[in-house]
Amino acid sequence: MAVGITLAFIPGLTLLWFVLFIPMMLVRLNQAAFLGMMAAGKLFMPFVDPFSERLGYFILSRPGLYEPMGRFLSLPGTNWFRLNDSFVTGGFVLGIAGWPFWFLISLILVGLYRRYLAVKVKTLFSKLGGKVPLLKKLSIAVSAGRRIGGAA
């Protein structure tokens, strides 16, 4: 979930965004939570963007980074990372630095969901599955697959 927030902070259509997004889609993790947190993070971007841009400008305007960034960006293909853009750099640093915070927030959200909403959501989907024939067949197939796989 923390990676979803980090990807929400990084502007899309940059190579950096795809370098983080594609491996996370291939790794076994909760894809719905990952994409949901990314979508929720995009809702807060108008509030975060000014701070992110100032942070990126602060980092990029450091005299010690001028020569290393110039050498890095002179390599073929690295300009697609758009690390010379203050929005991209600020969002990346803000997202990576905030991982422990986002992790703790996601632990709290998952705990609250499991305590208060999980049973209600399951009953809603089971009622919905009984009324919609396609969902009923899908739930039968999933339960059959669980029995074959050994899960209860």
Protein backbone atom coordinates (compact mmCIF):
# COMPACT_ATOMS: atom_id res chain seq x y z
CA MET A 1 0.00 0.00 0.00
CA ALA A 2 2.93 2.32 0.63
CA VAL A 3 4.12 1.76 -2.93
CA GLY A 4 0.67 2.82 -4.15
CA ILE A 5 0.98 6.12 -2.31
CA THR A 6 4.50 6.59 -3.66
CA LEU A 7 3.26 6.00 -7.20
CA ALA A 8 0.45 8.48 -6.59
CA PHE A 9 3.02 11.13 -5.68
CA ILE A 10 5.14 10.54 -8.80
CA PRO A 11 3.61 12.06 -11.96
CA GLY A 12 2.59 9.37 -14.44
CA LEU A 13 4.05 8.64 -17.85
CA THR A 14 7.61 8.83 -16.63
CA LEU A 15 10.01 5.92 -16.84
CA LEU A 16 10.45 6.11 -13.06
CA TRP A 17 6.71 5.53 -12.58
CA PHE A 18 6.72 2.50 -14.89
CA VAL A 19 9.92 1.11 -13.32
CA LEU A 20 8.12 1.06 -9.96
CA PHE A 21 4.65 0.12 -11.23
CA ILE A 22 5.42 -2.90 -13.43
CA PRO A 23 7.41 -4.91 -10.84
CA MET A 24 4.74 -4.22 -8.21
CA MET A 25 2.10 -5.62 -10.55
CA LEU A 26 4.21 -8.77 -11.01
CA VAL A 27 4.94 -9.31 -7.31
CA ARG A 28 2.44 -11.20 -5.22
CA LEU A 29 0.69 -8.56 -3.15
CA ASN A 30 -2.82 -7.28 -2.66
CA GLN A 31 -3.39 -5.65 -6.05
CA ALA A 32 -6.74 -4.15 -5.05
CA ALA A 33 -5.24 -2.40 -2.03
CA PHE A 34 -2.26 -1.28 -4.10
CA LEU A 35 -4.40 0.26 -6.85
CA GLY A 36 -6.93 1.59 -4.33
CA MET A 37 -4.28 3.41 -2.33
CA MET A 38 -2.82 4.76 -5.56
CA ALA A 39 -6.24 6.12 -6.55
CA ALA A 40 -6.83 7.53 -3.06
CA GLY A 41 -3.40 9.15 -3.12
CA LYS A 42 -4.21 10.83 -6.43
CA LEU A 43 -7.20 12.50 -4.74
CA PHE A 44 -4.86 14.25 -2.30
CA MET A 45 -2.34 15.36 -4.93
CA PRO A 46 -3.66 18.94 -5.27
CA PHE A 47 -2.77 19.43 -1.59
CA VAL A 48 0.60 17.66 -1.81
CA ASP A 49 1.84 19.05 -5.14
CA PRO A 50 3.03 22.46 -3.87
CA PHE A 51 5.05 20.86 -1.08
CA SER A 52 6.34 18.16 -3.41
CA GLU A 53 7.46 20.71 -6.00
CA ARG A 54 9.27 22.83 -3.39
CA LEU A 55 10.99 19.73 -2.01
CA GLY A 56 12.08 18.68 -5.49
CA TYR A 57 13.39 22.15 -6.27
CA PHE A 58 15.26 22.22 -2.96
CA ILE A 59 16.91 18.88 -3.76
CA LEU A 60 17.71 19.71 -7.37
CA SER A 61 19.14 23.15 -6.56
CA ARG A 62 21.82 21.73 -4.23
CA PRO A 63 25.26 22.60 -5.65
CA GLY A 64 26.64 19.13 -4.88
CA LEU A 65 24.08 17.46 -7.13
CA TYR A 66 24.67 19.60 -10.21
CA GLU A 67 27.56 17.60 -11.67
CA PRO A 68 26.34 14.07 -10.75
CA MET A 69 22.84 14.78 -12.08
CA GLY A 70 24.30 16.28 -15.24
CA ARG A 71 26.39 13.17 -15.82
CA PHE A 72 23.48 10.86 -15.03
CA LEU A 73 21.09 12.70 -17.32
CA SER A 74 23.63 12.71 -20.16
CA LEU A 75 23.36 8.91 -20.34
CA PRO A 76 21.08 7.68 -23.13
CA GLY A 77 17.50 7.07 -22.00
CA THR A 78 17.82 8.51 -18.51
CA ASN A 79 16.01 11.70 -19.45
CA TRP A 80 12.81 9.61 -19.62
CA PHE A 81 13.03 9.26 -15.84
CA ARG A 82 12.45 13.05 -15.74
CA LEU A 83 14.46 13.31 -12.54
CA ASN A 84 15.43 16.84 -13.54
CA ASP A 85 11.78 17.83 -13.03
CA SER A 86 11.12 19.14 -9.54
CA PHE A 87 7.65 17.52 -9.39
CA VAL A 88 9.03 14.06 -10.18
CA THR A 89 12.01 14.33 -7.83
CA GLY A 90 9.94 15.80 -5.01
CA GLY A 91 7.19 13.21 -5.37
CA PHE A 92 9.71 10.36 -5.48
CA VAL A 93 11.59 11.56 -2.39
CA LEU A 94 8.37 12.33 -0.52
CA GLY A 95 6.96 8.90 -1.35
CA ILE A 96 10.10 6.97 -0.42
CA ALA A 97 10.68 8.98 2.77
CA GLY A 98 7.04 8.47 3.76
CA TRP A 99 7.06 4.67 3.43
CA PRO A 100 7.18 3.99 7.20
CA PHE A 101 4.34 6.46 7.76
CA TRP A 102 2.22 5.02 4.90
CA PHE A 103 2.92 1.52 6.20
CA LEU A 104 1.67 2.37 9.68
CA ILE A 105 -1.39 4.13 8.26
CA SER A 106 -2.19 1.10 6.10
CA LEU A 107 -1.84 -1.22 9.12
CA ILE A 108 -4.36 0.92 10.99
CA LEU A 109 -6.74 1.02 8.00
CA VAL A 110 -6.58 -2.75 7.49
CA GLY A 111 -7.18 -3.35 11.20
CA LEU A 112 -10.21 -1.05 11.18
CA TYR A 113 -11.55 -2.70 8.04
CA ARG A 114 -11.18 -6.19 9.49
CA ARG A 115 -12.77 -5.17 12.78
CA TYR A 116 -15.76 -3.19 11.49
CA LEU A 117 -16.38 -3.70 7.77
CA ALA A 118 -15.16 -7.13 6.66
CA VAL A 119 -18.22 -9.07 7.83
CA LYS A 120 -20.62 -6.51 6.33
CA VAL A 121 -18.83 -6.56 2.99
CA LYS A 122 -18.79 -10.37 2.91
CA THR A 123 -22.53 -10.57 3.64
CA LEU A 124 -23.26 -7.92 1.01
CA PHE A 125 -21.34 -9.86 -1.63
CA SER A 126 -22.90 -13.16 -0.58
CA LYS A 127 -26.42 -11.65 -0.87
CA LEU A 128 -25.46 -10.09 -4.19
CA GLY A 129 -23.99 -13.39 -5.35
CA GLY A 130 -27.24 -15.19 -4.61
CA LYS A 131 -29.26 -12.75 -6.74
CA VAL A 132 -26.95 -12.33 -9.73
CA PRO A 133 -26.47 -15.63 -11.61
CA LEU A 134 -23.02 -14.79 -12.97
CA LEU A 135 -21.69 -13.93 -9.51
CA LYS A 136 -23.25 -17.08 -8.09
CA LYS A 137 -21.44 -19.24 -10.65
CA LEU A 138 -18.22 -17.35 -9.98
CA SER A 139 -18.49 -17.90 -6.22
CA ILE A 140 -19.15 -21.62 -6.79
CA ALA A 141 -16.06 -21.83 -9.00
CA VAL A 142 -13.90 -19.99 -6.46
CA SER A 143 -15.05 -22.22 -3.60
CA ALA A 144 -14.39 -25.32 -5.74
CA GLY A 145 -10.91 -24.02 -6.51
CA ARG A 146 -10.26 -23.50 -2.80
CA ARG A 147 -11.27 -27.07 -2.03
CA ILE A 148 -8.93 -28.37 -4.74
CA GLY A 149 -6.09 -26.17 -3.55
CA GLY A 150 -6.49 -27.32 0.04
CA ALA A 151 -7.74 -24.03 1.50
CA ALA A 152 -10.76 -24.14 3.75
